Amino acid sequence: MLKRLLGLITLALFFSVITAVLLHKDYKTYLDTPLTIESPAVFTVEAGMSFSDVNRQLSQLGLNRNAEYLEILARYSGKANKIKTGEYLLPVGLKPEELLDVFVAGKEIQYSFTLLEGWHIREMLEAIHATDLLIHTLTDVSEDTLMQELGYTETVAEGLFFPDTYSFPKNTTDKAFLQRAYQQLQHVLAEEWQTRAENLPYQTPYEALVMASIIEKETGLASERGTIAGVFVRRLNKNMKLQTDPTVIYAMGKQYDGNIRKKDLEIDSPHNTYRYKGLPPTPIALVGREAIHAALHPEEGKSLYFVAKGDGSHYFSENLTEHNRAVAKYQLKK
């Protein structure tokens, strides 16, 4: 009887060992085999989901053939409690441990949206409102209330956002996006201010930003930014009016139809540099780093005037007589 019992126990142990060996072999095969992802799949780990919830959904979507093995791997590796919420792209060929690494690293799918150099604040807001890449929380916000809604002390939003292409994950709000663009502008402006040239006619970085916005709107060729900056700086130092068309266009607002007439040069606006000396009170557009750099590193020279030649470039003059001849040649076609 005892002999028979021992035999049964031995047999049971034998089959247990065989089963364990086979299970271990199957588990190892599972770890080394890509998941059943037939084409790149988008998978979202929602806020509040446990790993068991994630595992169950992966199985329901047919992306994982063995939920038990994945659960074991996640628990014993310590990664089950480290997964991050977000939207993920799962490529073909992804293995189980690589899947967990994706969730733990939190490398979400990134979307992108571009703020363009030279945009007015109204153009920026229109583009933000029109995109479906961001969650809209600022739909009732105007130019006048934007900074307050974003939590900043400035009252005028014009020019305070850095033009660039920004990448961000799903569910990013327009508020968070603009706060990021604002902070980037502050960072770039402070960085450029630290290396500025000497004897500039600006008391603050904000004044340099105002000048940079004018340079941004005036420049057709990147190579002319420094030259145009030099003209404006010399005019300020000589107490001359800047007399730059983009400030008139800005003052005209929606009334601008593509043409500037003589009467428009008399618009009573602090932004109209044909009427008032010095810098306008605020920037007139979004400003890139190159324009900021030019405003803070103007090229030396003697030119005090310039006129558009019609091909994106400008003719620069040292005196009014030469400038008038250039105007006649390039603008009046005489």
C-alpha atoms as a PDB file:
ATOM      1  CA  MET A   1       0.000   0.000   0.000  1.00  0.00           C
ATOM      2  CA  LEU A   2       2.784   2.383   0.994  1.00  0.00           C
ATOM      3  CA  LYS A   3       4.794   1.379  -2.031  1.00  0.00           C
ATOM      4  CA  ARG A   4       1.852   2.126  -4.288  1.00  0.00           C
ATOM      5  CA  LEU A   5       1.295   5.507  -2.588  1.00  0.00           C
ATOM      6  CA  LEU A   6       4.933   6.443  -3.036  1.00  0.00           C
ATOM      7  CA  GLY A   7       4.671   5.503  -6.656  1.00  0.00           C
ATOM      8  CA  LEU A   8       1.680   7.731  -7.151  1.00  0.00           C
ATOM      9  CA  ILE A   9       3.428  10.614  -5.394  1.00  0.00           C
ATOM     10  CA  THR A  10       6.520  10.108  -7.545  1.00  0.00           C
ATOM     11  CA  LEU A  11       4.386  10.018 -10.663  1.00  0.00           C
ATOM     12  CA  ALA A  12       2.550  13.183  -9.605  1.00  0.00           C
ATOM     13  CA  LEU A  13       5.850  14.934  -8.925  1.00  0.00           C
ATOM     14  CA  PHE A  14       7.142  13.774 -12.272  1.00  0.00           C
ATOM     15  CA  PHE A  15       4.138  15.185 -14.103  1.00  0.00           C
ATOM     16  CA  SER A  16       4.337  18.380 -12.016  1.00  0.00           C
ATOM     17  CA  VAL A  17       7.950  18.844 -13.008  1.00  0.00           C
ATOM     18  CA  ILE A  18       7.141  18.139 -16.651  1.00  0.00           C
ATOM     19  CA  THR A  19       4.241  20.574 -16.511  1.00  0.00           C
ATOM     20  CA  ALA A  20       6.407  23.221 -14.864  1.00  0.00           C
ATOM     21  CA  VAL A  21       9.126  22.724 -17.463  1.00  0.00           C
ATOM     22  CA  LEU A  22       6.620  22.971 -20.292  1.00  0.00           C
ATOM     23  CA  LEU A  23       4.974  26.036 -18.761  1.00  0.00           C
ATOM     24  CA  HIS A  24       8.347  27.700 -18.267  1.00  0.00           C
ATOM     25  CA  LYS A  25       9.293  26.891 -21.832  1.00  0.00           C
ATOM     26  CA  ASP A  26       5.970  28.289 -23.040  1.00  0.00           C
ATOM     27  CA  TYR A  27       6.452  31.396 -20.900  1.00  0.00           C
ATOM     28  CA  LYS A  28       9.962  31.928 -22.319  1.00  0.00           C
ATOM     29  CA  THR A  29       8.585  31.487 -25.830  1.00  0.00           C
ATOM     30  CA  TYR A  30       5.906  34.077 -25.038  1.00  0.00           C
ATOM     31  CA  LEU A  31       8.526  36.570 -23.850  1.00  0.00           C
ATOM     32  CA  ASP A  32      10.580  36.109 -27.020  1.00  0.00           C
ATOM     33  CA  THR A  33       7.644  36.257 -29.422  1.00  0.00           C
ATOM     34  CA  PRO A  34       6.239  39.560 -30.776  1.00  0.00           C
ATOM     35  CA  LEU A  35       2.738  40.422 -29.652  1.00  0.00           C
ATOM     36  CA  THR A  36      -0.177  39.885 -32.032  1.00  0.00           C
ATOM     37  CA  ILE A  37      -0.021  43.404 -33.448  1.00  0.00           C
ATOM     38  CA  GLU A  38      -0.637  43.053 -37.177  1.00  0.00           C
ATOM     39  CA  SER A  39      -0.375  46.785 -37.938  1.00  0.00           C
ATOM     40  CA  PRO A  40       0.708  49.797 -35.833  1.00  0.00           C
ATOM     41  CA  ALA A  41      -1.965  50.233 -33.181  1.00  0.00           C
ATOM     42  CA  VAL A  42      -2.953  53.191 -31.027  1.00  0.00           C
ATOM     43  CA  PHE A  43      -3.627  52.216 -27.421  1.00  0.00           C
ATOM     44  CA  THR A  44      -4.710  54.553 -24.629  1.00  0.00           C
ATOM     45  CA  VAL A  45      -4.034  54.014 -20.947  1.00  0.00           C
ATOM     46  CA  GLU A  46      -6.818  56.028 -19.373  1.00  0.00           C
ATOM     47  CA  ALA A  47      -6.472  57.806 -16.051  1.00  0.00           C
ATOM     48  CA  GLY A  48      -7.398  55.490 -13.189  1.00  0.00           C
ATOM     49  CA  MET A  49      -6.777  52.247 -15.094  1.00  0.00           C
ATOM     50  CA  SER A  50      -4.988  49.493 -13.186  1.00  0.00           C
ATOM     51  CA  PHE A  51      -2.598  47.188 -14.990  1.00  0.00           C
ATOM     52  CA  SER A  52      -5.252  44.470 -14.900  1.00  0.00           C
ATOM     53  CA  ASP A  53      -7.571  46.866 -16.746  1.00  0.00           C
ATOM     54  CA  VAL A  54      -4.884  47.566 -19.324  1.00  0.00           C
ATOM     55  CA  ASN A  55      -4.114  43.866 -19.700  1.00  0.00           C
ATOM     56  CA  ARG A  56      -7.781  43.000 -20.172  1.00  0.00           C
ATOM     57  CA  GLN A  57      -8.221  45.664 -22.842  1.00  0.00           C
ATOM     58  CA  LEU A  58      -5.121  44.497 -24.708  1.00  0.00           C
ATOM     59  CA  SER A  59      -6.603  41.005 -24.858  1.00  0.00           C
ATOM     60  CA  GLN A  60     -10.017  42.273 -25.945  1.00  0.00           C
ATOM     61  CA  LEU A  61      -8.399  44.189 -28.793  1.00  0.00           C
ATOM     62  CA  GLY A  62      -6.477  41.087 -29.863  1.00  0.00           C
ATOM     63  CA  LEU A  63      -3.098  42.656 -29.174  1.00  0.00           C
ATOM     64  CA  ASN A  64      -1.926  40.073 -26.642  1.00  0.00           C
ATOM     65  CA  ARG A  65      -2.447  36.306 -26.828  1.00  0.00           C
ATOM     66  CA  ASN A  66      -1.761  35.456 -23.175  1.00  0.00           C
ATOM     67  CA  ALA A  67      -3.034  37.817 -20.486  1.00  0.00           C
ATOM     68  CA  GLU A  68      -1.835  35.540 -17.654  1.00  0.00           C
ATOM     69  CA  TYR A  69       1.770  35.603 -18.805  1.00  0.00           C
ATOM     70  CA  LEU A  70       1.757  39.374 -19.279  1.00  0.00           C
ATOM     71  CA  GLU A  71       0.302  39.787 -15.787  1.00  0.00           C
ATOM     72  CA  ILE A  72       3.085  37.620 -14.346  1.00  0.00           C
ATOM     73  CA  LEU A  73       5.749  39.564 -16.234  1.00  0.00           C
ATOM     74  CA  ALA A  74       4.350  42.931 -15.122  1.00  0.00           C
ATOM     75  CA  ARG A  75       3.982  41.939 -11.467  1.00  0.00           C
ATOM     76  CA  TYR A  76       7.349  40.226 -11.019  1.00  0.00           C
ATOM     77  CA  SER A  77       9.256  42.891 -12.924  1.00  0.00           C
ATOM     78  CA  GLY A  78       7.701  45.614 -10.759  1.00  0.00           C
ATOM     79  CA  LYS A  79       6.400  47.466 -13.824  1.00  0.00           C
ATOM     80  CA  ALA A  80       2.695  46.900 -13.177  1.00  0.00           C
ATOM     81  CA  ASN A  81       2.548  49.886 -10.816  1.00  0.00           C
ATOM     82  CA  LYS A  82       4.760  52.123 -12.964  1.00  0.00           C
ATOM     83  CA  ILE A  83       2.701  52.423 -16.148  1.00  0.00           C
ATOM     84  CA  LYS A  84       1.709  55.964 -17.103  1.00  0.00           C
ATOM     85  CA  THR A  85      -1.524  57.228 -18.556  1.00  0.00           C
ATOM     86  CA  GLY A  86      -1.426  58.404 -22.148  1.00  0.00           C
ATOM     87  CA  GLU A  87      -1.911  57.562 -25.800  1.00  0.00           C
ATOM     88  CA  TYR A  88       0.697  55.178 -27.222  1.00  0.00           C
ATOM     89  CA  LEU A  89       1.635  53.892 -30.664  1.00  0.00           C
ATOM     90  CA  LEU A  90       2.359  50.172 -30.546  1.00  0.00           C
ATOM     91  CA  PRO A  91       4.498  49.100 -33.534  1.00  0.00           C
ATOM     92  CA  VAL A  92       4.485  45.720 -35.228  1.00  0.00           C
ATOM     93  CA  GLY A  93       7.079  43.376 -33.726  1.00  0.00           C
ATOM     94  CA  LEU A  94       6.765  44.662 -30.166  1.00  0.00           C
ATOM     95  CA  LYS A  95       7.592  42.019 -27.545  1.00  0.00           C
ATOM     96  CA  PRO A  96       5.850  41.795 -24.135  1.00  0.00           C
ATOM     97  CA  GLU A  97       8.648  43.365 -22.102  1.00  0.00           C
ATOM     98  CA  GLU A  98       9.074  46.103 -24.708  1.00  0.00           C
ATOM     99  CA  LEU A  99       5.342  46.803 -24.412  1.00  0.00           C
ATOM    100  CA  LEU A 100       5.681  47.343 -20.671  1.00  0.00           C
ATOM    101  CA  ASP A 101       8.692  49.583 -21.251  1.00  0.00           C
ATOM    102  CA  VAL A 102       6.599  51.764 -23.578  1.00  0.00           C
ATOM    103  CA  PHE A 103       3.952  52.229 -20.873  1.00  0.00           C
ATOM    104  CA  VAL A 104       6.519  52.835 -18.118  1.00  0.00           C
ATOM    105  CA  ALA A 105       8.546  55.350 -20.159  1.00  0.00           C
ATOM    106  CA  GLY A 106       5.399  57.341 -20.909  1.00  0.00           C
ATOM    107  CA  LYS A 107       6.508  58.098 -24.467  1.00  0.00           C
ATOM    108  CA  GLU A 108       3.118  59.155 -25.758  1.00  0.00           C
ATOM    109  CA  ILE A 109       2.134  59.885 -29.338  1.00  0.00           C
ATOM    110  CA  GLN A 110       3.122  63.451 -30.095  1.00  0.00           C
ATOM    111  CA  TYR A 111       1.073  65.927 -32.113  1.00  0.00           C
ATOM    112  CA  SER A 112       2.463  69.212 -33.400  1.00  0.00           C
ATOM    113  CA  PHE A 113       1.212  72.711 -34.028  1.00  0.00           C
ATOM    114  CA  THR A 114       3.112  75.705 -35.361  1.00  0.00           C
ATOM    115  CA  LEU A 115       2.947  79.356 -34.367  1.00  0.00           C
ATOM    116  CA  LEU A 116       4.276  81.445 -37.250  1.00  0.00           C
ATOM    117  CA  GLU A 117       6.707  84.337 -37.066  1.00  0.00           C
ATOM    118  CA  GLY A 118       4.997  87.603 -37.881  1.00  0.00           C
ATOM    119  CA  TRP A 119       1.524  86.525 -36.782  1.00  0.00           C
ATOM    120  CA  HIS A 120      -0.585  89.126 -34.982  1.00  0.00           C
ATOM    121  CA  ILE A 121      -2.211  87.938 -31.768  1.00  0.00           C
ATOM    122  CA  ARG A 122      -5.614  87.748 -33.458  1.00  0.00           C
ATOM    123  CA  GLU A 123      -4.167  85.480 -36.172  1.00  0.00           C
ATOM    124  CA  MET A 124      -2.616  83.276 -33.522  1.00  0.00           C
ATOM    125  CA  LEU A 125      -5.873  82.969 -31.595  1.00  0.00           C
ATOM    126  CA  GLU A 126      -7.819  82.214 -34.765  1.00  0.00           C
ATOM    127  CA  ALA A 127      -5.407  79.390 -35.595  1.00  0.00           C
ATOM    128  CA  ILE A 128      -5.573  78.032 -32.038  1.00  0.00           C
ATOM    129  CA  HIS A 129      -9.381  78.081 -32.080  1.00  0.00           C
ATOM    130  CA  ALA A 130      -9.462  76.351 -35.482  1.00  0.00           C
ATOM    131  CA  THR A 131      -7.235  73.377 -34.687  1.00  0.00           C
ATOM    132  CA  ASP A 132      -8.711  70.124 -33.379  1.00  0.00           C
ATOM    133  CA  LEU A 133      -5.353  69.017 -31.937  1.00  0.00           C
ATOM    134  CA  LEU A 134      -5.897  70.939 -28.705  1.00  0.00           C
ATOM    135  CA  ILE A 135      -8.661  70.849 -26.124  1.00  0.00           C
ATOM    136  CA  HIS A 136     -10.371  74.232 -26.252  1.00  0.00           C
ATOM    137  CA  THR A 137     -10.772  75.961 -22.907  1.00  0.00           C
ATOM    138  CA  LEU A 138     -10.239  79.545 -24.092  1.00  0.00           C
ATOM    139  CA  THR A 139     -13.071  79.815 -26.629  1.00  0.00           C
ATOM    140  CA  ASP A 140     -14.539  82.940 -25.024  1.00  0.00           C
ATOM    141  CA  VAL A 141     -11.199  84.643 -24.440  1.00  0.00           C
ATOM    142  CA  SER A 142     -10.286  87.816 -26.357  1.00  0.00           C
ATOM    143  CA  GLU A 143      -6.959  89.515 -26.967  1.00  0.00           C
ATOM    144  CA  ASP A 144      -7.680  91.776 -24.009  1.00  0.00           C
ATOM    145  CA  THR A 145      -8.368  89.000 -21.503  1.00  0.00           C
ATOM    146  CA  LEU A 146      -5.929  86.334 -22.708  1.00  0.00           C
ATOM    147  CA  MET A 147      -3.039  87.093 -20.354  1.00  0.00           C
ATOM    148  CA  GLN A 148      -5.332  87.175 -17.346  1.00  0.00           C
ATOM    149  CA  GLU A 149      -6.814  83.794 -18.318  1.00  0.00           C
ATOM    150  CA  LEU A 150      -3.310  82.355 -18.665  1.00  0.00           C
ATOM    151  CA  GLY A 151      -2.377  83.614 -15.206  1.00  0.00           C
ATOM    152  CA  TYR A 152       0.121  86.315 -16.187  1.00  0.00           C
ATOM    153  CA  THR A 153       0.348  89.956 -15.125  1.00  0.00           C
ATOM    154  CA  GLU A 154       0.776  91.515 -18.570  1.00  0.00           C
ATOM    155  CA  THR A 155      -2.294  93.266 -19.922  1.00  0.00           C
ATOM    156  CA  VAL A 156      -1.323  93.190 -23.617  1.00  0.00           C
ATOM    157  CA  ALA A 157      -0.755  89.771 -25.207  1.00  0.00           C
ATOM    158  CA  GLU A 158       0.709  90.942 -28.515  1.00  0.00           C
ATOM    159  CA  GLY A 159       4.121  89.462 -29.242  1.00  0.00           C
ATOM    160  CA  LEU A 160       4.413  87.501 -25.984  1.00  0.00           C
ATOM    161  CA  PHE A 161       4.388  83.998 -27.502  1.00  0.00           C
ATOM    162  CA  PHE A 162       7.349  82.379 -29.214  1.00  0.00           C
ATOM    163  CA  PRO A 163       6.749  81.235 -32.799  1.00  0.00           C
ATOM    164  CA  ASP A 164       7.865  77.637 -33.189  1.00  0.00           C
ATOM    165  CA  THR A 165       6.604  74.125 -33.897  1.00  0.00           C
ATOM    166  CA  TYR A 166       5.567  72.549 -30.597  1.00  0.00           C
ATOM    167  CA  SER A 167       5.044  68.843 -29.962  1.00  0.00           C
ATOM    168  CA  PHE A 168       2.575  67.711 -27.328  1.00  0.00           C
ATOM    169  CA  PRO A 169       0.521  64.657 -26.290  1.00  0.00           C
ATOM    170  CA  LYS A 170      -3.197  64.102 -26.707  1.00  0.00           C
ATOM    171  CA  ASN A 171      -5.500  66.044 -24.369  1.00  0.00           C
ATOM    172  CA  THR A 172      -3.202  69.060 -24.175  1.00  0.00           C
ATOM    173  CA  THR A 173      -5.271  72.197 -23.607  1.00  0.00           C
ATOM    174  CA  ASP A 174      -4.914  75.424 -25.546  1.00  0.00           C
ATOM    175  CA  LYS A 175      -4.148  77.101 -22.221  1.00  0.00           C
ATOM    176  CA  ALA A 176      -1.219  74.779 -21.474  1.00  0.00           C
ATOM    177  CA  PHE A 177       0.028  75.162 -25.051  1.00  0.00           C
ATOM    178  CA  LEU A 178       0.049  78.963 -24.876  1.00  0.00           C
ATOM    179  CA  GLN A 179       1.629  78.977 -21.426  1.00  0.00           C
ATOM    180  CA  ARG A 180       4.439  76.912 -22.895  1.00  0.00           C
ATOM    181  CA  ALA A 181       4.847  79.322 -25.837  1.00  0.00           C
ATOM    182  CA  TYR A 182       4.889  82.270 -23.416  1.00  0.00           C
ATOM    183  CA  GLN A 183       7.559  80.672 -21.236  1.00  0.00           C
ATOM    184  CA  GLN A 184       9.656  79.877 -24.306  1.00  0.00           C
ATOM    185  CA  LEU A 185       9.520  83.521 -25.408  1.00  0.00           C
ATOM    186  CA  GLN A 186      10.651  84.635 -21.948  1.00  0.00           C
ATOM    187  CA  HIS A 187      13.517  82.135 -22.054  1.00  0.00           C
ATOM    188  CA  VAL A 188      14.732  83.148 -25.529  1.00  0.00           C
ATOM    189  CA  LEU A 189      14.406  86.869 -24.810  1.00  0.00           C
ATOM    190  CA  ALA A 190      16.339  86.598 -21.531  1.00  0.00           C
ATOM    191  CA  GLU A 191      19.020  84.505 -23.200  1.00  0.00           C
ATOM    192  CA  GLU A 192      19.509  86.983 -26.047  1.00  0.00           C
ATOM    193  CA  TRP A 193      19.378  89.977 -23.672  1.00  0.00           C
ATOM    194  CA  GLN A 194      22.347  88.610 -21.728  1.00  0.00           C
ATOM    195  CA  THR A 195      24.579  88.764 -24.809  1.00  0.00           C
ATOM    196  CA  ARG A 196      23.330  92.084 -26.213  1.00  0.00           C
ATOM    197  CA  ALA A 197      25.613  94.657 -27.788  1.00  0.00           C
ATOM    198  CA  GLU A 198      26.571  97.808 -25.904  1.00  0.00           C
ATOM    199  CA  ASN A 199      24.960 101.249 -26.159  1.00  0.00           C
ATOM    200  CA  LEU A 200      21.572 100.108 -27.391  1.00  0.00           C
ATOM    201  CA  PRO A 201      18.561 102.441 -27.093  1.00  0.00           C
ATOM    202  CA  TYR A 202      16.552  99.938 -25.020  1.00  0.00           C
ATOM    203  CA  GLN A 203      16.059 100.076 -21.272  1.00  0.00           C
ATOM    204  CA  THR A 204      14.355  96.684 -20.957  1.00  0.00           C
ATOM    205  CA  PRO A 205      14.115  93.346 -22.788  1.00  0.00           C
ATOM    206  CA  TYR A 206      10.502  94.231 -23.601  1.00  0.00           C
ATOM    207  CA  GLU A 207      11.624  97.303 -25.573  1.00  0.00           C
ATOM    208  CA  ALA A 208      14.024  95.064 -27.499  1.00  0.00           C
ATOM    209  CA  LEU A 209      11.088  92.749 -28.203  1.00  0.00           C
ATOM    210  CA  VAL A 210       9.082  95.673 -29.588  1.00  0.00           C
ATOM    211  CA  MET A 211      11.953  96.536 -31.931  1.00  0.00           C
ATOM    212  CA  ALA A 212      12.353  92.892 -32.918  1.00  0.00           C
ATOM    213  CA  SER A 213       8.687  92.717 -33.901  1.00  0.00           C
ATOM    214  CA  ILE A 214       9.155  95.634 -36.297  1.00  0.00           C
ATOM    215  CA  ILE A 215      12.241  93.966 -37.777  1.00  0.00           C
ATOM    216  CA  GLU A 216      10.250  90.745 -38.129  1.00  0.00           C
ATOM    217  CA  LYS A 217       7.559  92.477 -40.175  1.00  0.00           C
ATOM    218  CA  GLU A 218       9.966  94.572 -42.244  1.00  0.00           C
ATOM    219  CA  THR A 219      12.378  91.829 -43.246  1.00  0.00           C
ATOM    220  CA  GLY A 220      11.882  89.876 -46.447  1.00  0.00           C
ATOM    221  CA  LEU A 221      15.404  88.450 -46.536  1.00  0.00           C
ATOM    222  CA  ALA A 222      16.923  86.910 -43.424  1.00  0.00           C
ATOM    223  CA  SER A 223      20.317  88.340 -44.387  1.00  0.00           C
ATOM    224  CA  GLU A 224      18.954  91.888 -44.017  1.00  0.00           C
ATOM    225  CA  ARG A 225      17.733  91.618 -40.431  1.00  0.00           C
ATOM    226  CA  GLY A 226      20.896  93.053 -38.918  1.00  0.00           C
ATOM    227  CA  THR A 227      21.084  95.827 -41.506  1.00  0.00           C
ATOM    228  CA  ILE A 228      17.479  96.886 -40.918  1.00  0.00           C
ATOM    229  CA  ALA A 229      18.067  96.739 -37.156  1.00  0.00           C
ATOM    230  CA  GLY A 230      21.045  99.062 -37.629  1.00  0.00           C
ATOM    231  CA  VAL A 231      18.908 101.612 -39.494  1.00  0.00           C
ATOM    232  CA  PHE A 232      16.256 101.669 -36.774  1.00  0.00           C
ATOM    233  CA  VAL A 233      18.777 101.886 -33.937  1.00  0.00           C
ATOM    234  CA  ARG A 234      20.563 104.806 -35.593  1.00  0.00           C
ATOM    235  CA  ARG A 235      17.248 106.596 -36.150  1.00  0.00           C
ATOM    236  CA  LEU A 236      16.337 106.172 -32.473  1.00  0.00           C
ATOM    237  CA  ASN A 237      19.754 107.434 -31.391  1.00  0.00           C
ATOM    238  CA  LYS A 238      19.324 110.505 -33.606  1.00  0.00           C
ATOM    239  CA  ASN A 239      15.807 111.095 -32.237  1.00  0.00           C
ATOM    240  CA  MET A 240      14.319 110.499 -35.679  1.00  0.00           C
ATOM    241  CA  LYS A 241      10.919 108.909 -36.220  1.00  0.00           C
ATOM    242  CA  LEU A 242      11.150 105.259 -37.227  1.00  0.00           C
ATOM    243  CA  GLN A 243       8.591 105.778 -40.026  1.00  0.00           C
ATOM    244  CA  THR A 244       8.045 102.089 -40.665  1.00  0.00           C
ATOM    245  CA  ASP A 245       4.992 100.886 -42.598  1.00  0.00           C
ATOM    246  CA  PRO A 246       4.239  97.761 -40.496  1.00  0.00           C
ATOM    247  CA  THR A 247       3.427  99.967 -37.508  1.00  0.00           C
ATOM    248  CA  VAL A 248       0.915 101.910 -39.622  1.00  0.00           C
ATOM    249  CA  ILE A 249      -0.620  98.651 -40.826  1.00  0.00           C
ATOM    250  CA  TYR A 250      -0.860  97.497 -37.231  1.00  0.00           C
ATOM    251  CA  ALA A 251      -2.523 100.761 -36.228  1.00  0.00           C
ATOM    252  CA  MET A 252      -5.028 100.378 -39.087  1.00  0.00           C
ATOM    253  CA  GLY A 253      -6.024  96.900 -37.887  1.00  0.00           C
ATOM    254  CA  LYS A 254      -8.828  95.327 -39.896  1.00  0.00           C
ATOM    255  CA  GLN A 255      -9.168  98.507 -41.967  1.00  0.00           C
ATOM    256  CA  TYR A 256      -5.964  97.643 -43.804  1.00  0.00           C
ATOM    257  CA  ASP A 257      -6.830  96.454 -47.330  1.00  0.00           C
ATOM    258  CA  GLY A 258      -3.334  95.932 -48.683  1.00  0.00           C
ATOM    259  CA  ASN A 259      -2.580  99.586 -49.384  1.00  0.00           C
ATOM    260  CA  ILE A 260      -1.259 102.453 -47.279  1.00  0.00           C
ATOM    261  CA  ARG A 261      -2.480 105.876 -48.351  1.00  0.00           C
ATOM    262  CA  LYS A 262      -1.102 109.263 -47.366  1.00  0.00           C
ATOM    263  CA  LYS A 263      -3.971 109.841 -44.946  1.00  0.00           C
ATOM    264  CA  ASP A 264      -3.164 106.545 -43.210  1.00  0.00           C
ATOM    265  CA  LEU A 265       0.225 107.915 -42.200  1.00  0.00           C
ATOM    266  CA  GLU A 266      -1.606 110.420 -39.993  1.00  0.00           C
ATOM    267  CA  ILE A 267      -3.616 107.859 -38.005  1.00  0.00           C
ATOM    268  CA  ASP A 268      -3.580 108.959 -34.375  1.00  0.00           C
ATOM    269  CA  SER A 269      -2.248 105.804 -32.786  1.00  0.00           C
ATOM    270  CA  PRO A 270       0.759 105.375 -30.472  1.00  0.00           C
ATOM    271  CA  HIS A 271       1.792 102.550 -32.798  1.00  0.00           C
ATOM    272  CA  ASN A 272       2.044 104.918 -35.780  1.00  0.00           C
ATOM    273  CA  THR A 273       5.773 105.637 -36.059  1.00  0.00           C
ATOM    274  CA  TYR A 274       5.168 108.167 -38.834  1.00  0.00           C
ATOM    275  CA  ARG A 275       3.377 110.336 -36.297  1.00  0.00           C
ATOM    276  CA  TYR A 276       5.165 109.562 -33.036  1.00  0.00           C
ATOM    277  CA  LYS A 277       8.852 109.253 -32.219  1.00  0.00           C
ATOM    278  CA  GLY A 278      10.365 106.311 -30.418  1.00  0.00           C
ATOM    279  CA  LEU A 279       9.206 102.737 -30.192  1.00  0.00           C
ATOM    280  CA  PRO A 280       5.532 101.740 -30.229  1.00  0.00           C
ATOM    281  CA  PRO A 281       4.147 100.829 -26.791  1.00  0.00           C
ATOM    282  CA  THR A 282       3.867  97.094 -27.605  1.00  0.00           C
ATOM    283  CA  PRO A 283       5.173  94.557 -30.105  1.00  0.00           C
ATOM    284  CA  ILE A 284       3.225  94.302 -33.355  1.00  0.00           C
ATOM    285  CA  ALA A 285       3.711  90.568 -34.077  1.00  0.00           C
ATOM    286  CA  LEU A 286       5.124  87.239 -32.927  1.00  0.00           C
ATOM    287  CA  VAL A 287       8.912  87.382 -33.022  1.00  0.00           C
ATOM    288  CA  GLY A 288      11.464  84.679 -33.804  1.00  0.00           C
ATOM    289  CA  ARG A 289      14.903  84.359 -32.228  1.00  0.00           C
ATOM    290  CA  GLU A 290      16.647  85.740 -35.330  1.00  0.00           C
ATOM    291  CA  ALA A 291      14.737  89.019 -35.173  1.00  0.00           C
ATOM    292  CA  ILE A 292      15.385  89.316 -31.427  1.00  0.00           C
ATOM    293  CA  HIS A 293      19.066  88.677 -32.036  1.00  0.00           C
ATOM    294  CA  ALA A 294      19.152  91.327 -34.772  1.00  0.00           C
ATOM    295  CA  ALA A 295      17.487  93.899 -32.518  1.00  0.00           C
ATOM    296  CA  LEU A 296      20.152  93.271 -29.891  1.00  0.00           C
ATOM    297  CA  HIS A 297      23.051  93.027 -32.360  1.00  0.00           C
ATOM    298  CA  PRO A 298      22.379  95.684 -35.038  1.00  0.00           C
ATOM    299  CA  GLU A 299      24.901  95.986 -37.844  1.00  0.00           C
ATOM    300  CA  GLU A 300      27.102  99.053 -37.872  1.00  0.00           C
ATOM    301  CA  GLY A 301      26.828 101.468 -40.781  1.00  0.00           C
ATOM    302  CA  LYS A 302      25.576 104.880 -41.853  1.00  0.00           C
ATOM    303  CA  SER A 303      22.303 104.130 -43.615  1.00  0.00           C
ATOM    304  CA  LEU A 304      19.217 105.815 -42.190  1.00  0.00           C
ATOM    305  CA  TYR A 305      16.633 104.875 -44.808  1.00  0.00           C
ATOM    306  CA  PHE A 306      15.597 101.863 -46.839  1.00  0.00           C
ATOM    307  CA  VAL A 307      12.987 101.088 -49.458  1.00  0.00           C
ATOM    308  CA  ALA A 308      11.629  97.786 -50.744  1.00  0.00           C
ATOM    309  CA  LYS A 309      12.939  96.857 -54.193  1.00  0.00           C
ATOM    310  CA  GLY A 310      10.015  94.564 -54.989  1.00  0.00           C
ATOM    311  CA  ASP A 311      11.953  91.303 -54.831  1.00  0.00           C
ATOM    312  CA  GLY A 312      12.027  90.923 -51.064  1.00  0.00           C
ATOM    313  CA  SER A 313      15.220  92.914 -50.642  1.00  0.00           C
ATOM    314  CA  HIS A 314      15.745  96.597 -49.800  1.00  0.00           C
ATOM    315  CA  TYR A 315      17.841  99.509 -51.010  1.00  0.00           C
ATOM    316  CA  PHE A 316      19.592 101.285 -48.131  1.00  0.00           C
ATOM    317  CA  SER A 317      20.449 105.003 -48.193  1.00  0.00           C
ATOM    318  CA  GLU A 318      22.530 107.275 -45.977  1.00  0.00           C
ATOM    319  CA  ASN A 319      20.606 110.474 -46.712  1.00  0.00           C
ATOM    320  CA  LEU A 320      17.150 111.617 -47.727  1.00  0.00           C
ATOM    321  CA  THR A 321      18.163 112.695 -51.244  1.00  0.00           C
ATOM    322  CA  GLU A 322      19.479 109.241 -52.071  1.00  0.00           C
ATOM    323  CA  HIS A 323      16.440 107.665 -50.440  1.00  0.00           C
ATOM    324  CA  ASN A 324      14.013 109.744 -52.520  1.00  0.00           C
ATOM    325  CA  ARG A 325      15.791 108.659 -55.696  1.00  0.00           C
ATOM    326  CA  ALA A 326      15.454 105.027 -54.559  1.00  0.00           C
ATOM    327  CA  VAL A 327      11.767 105.512 -53.822  1.00  0.00           C
ATOM    328  CA  ALA A 328      11.259 106.945 -57.319  1.00  0.00           C
ATOM    329  CA  LYS A 329      13.124 104.037 -58.874  1.00  0.00           C
ATOM    330  CA  TYR A 330      11.698 101.114 -56.941  1.00  0.00           C
ATOM    331  CA  GLN A 331       8.305 102.320 -55.716  1.00  0.00           C
ATOM    332  CA  LEU A 332       7.181 104.926 -58.250  1.00  0.00           C
ATOM    333  CA  LYS A 333       8.968 103.168 -61.150  1.00  0.00           C
ATOM    334  CA  LYS A 334      10.437 106.419 -62.453  1.00  0.00           C
END
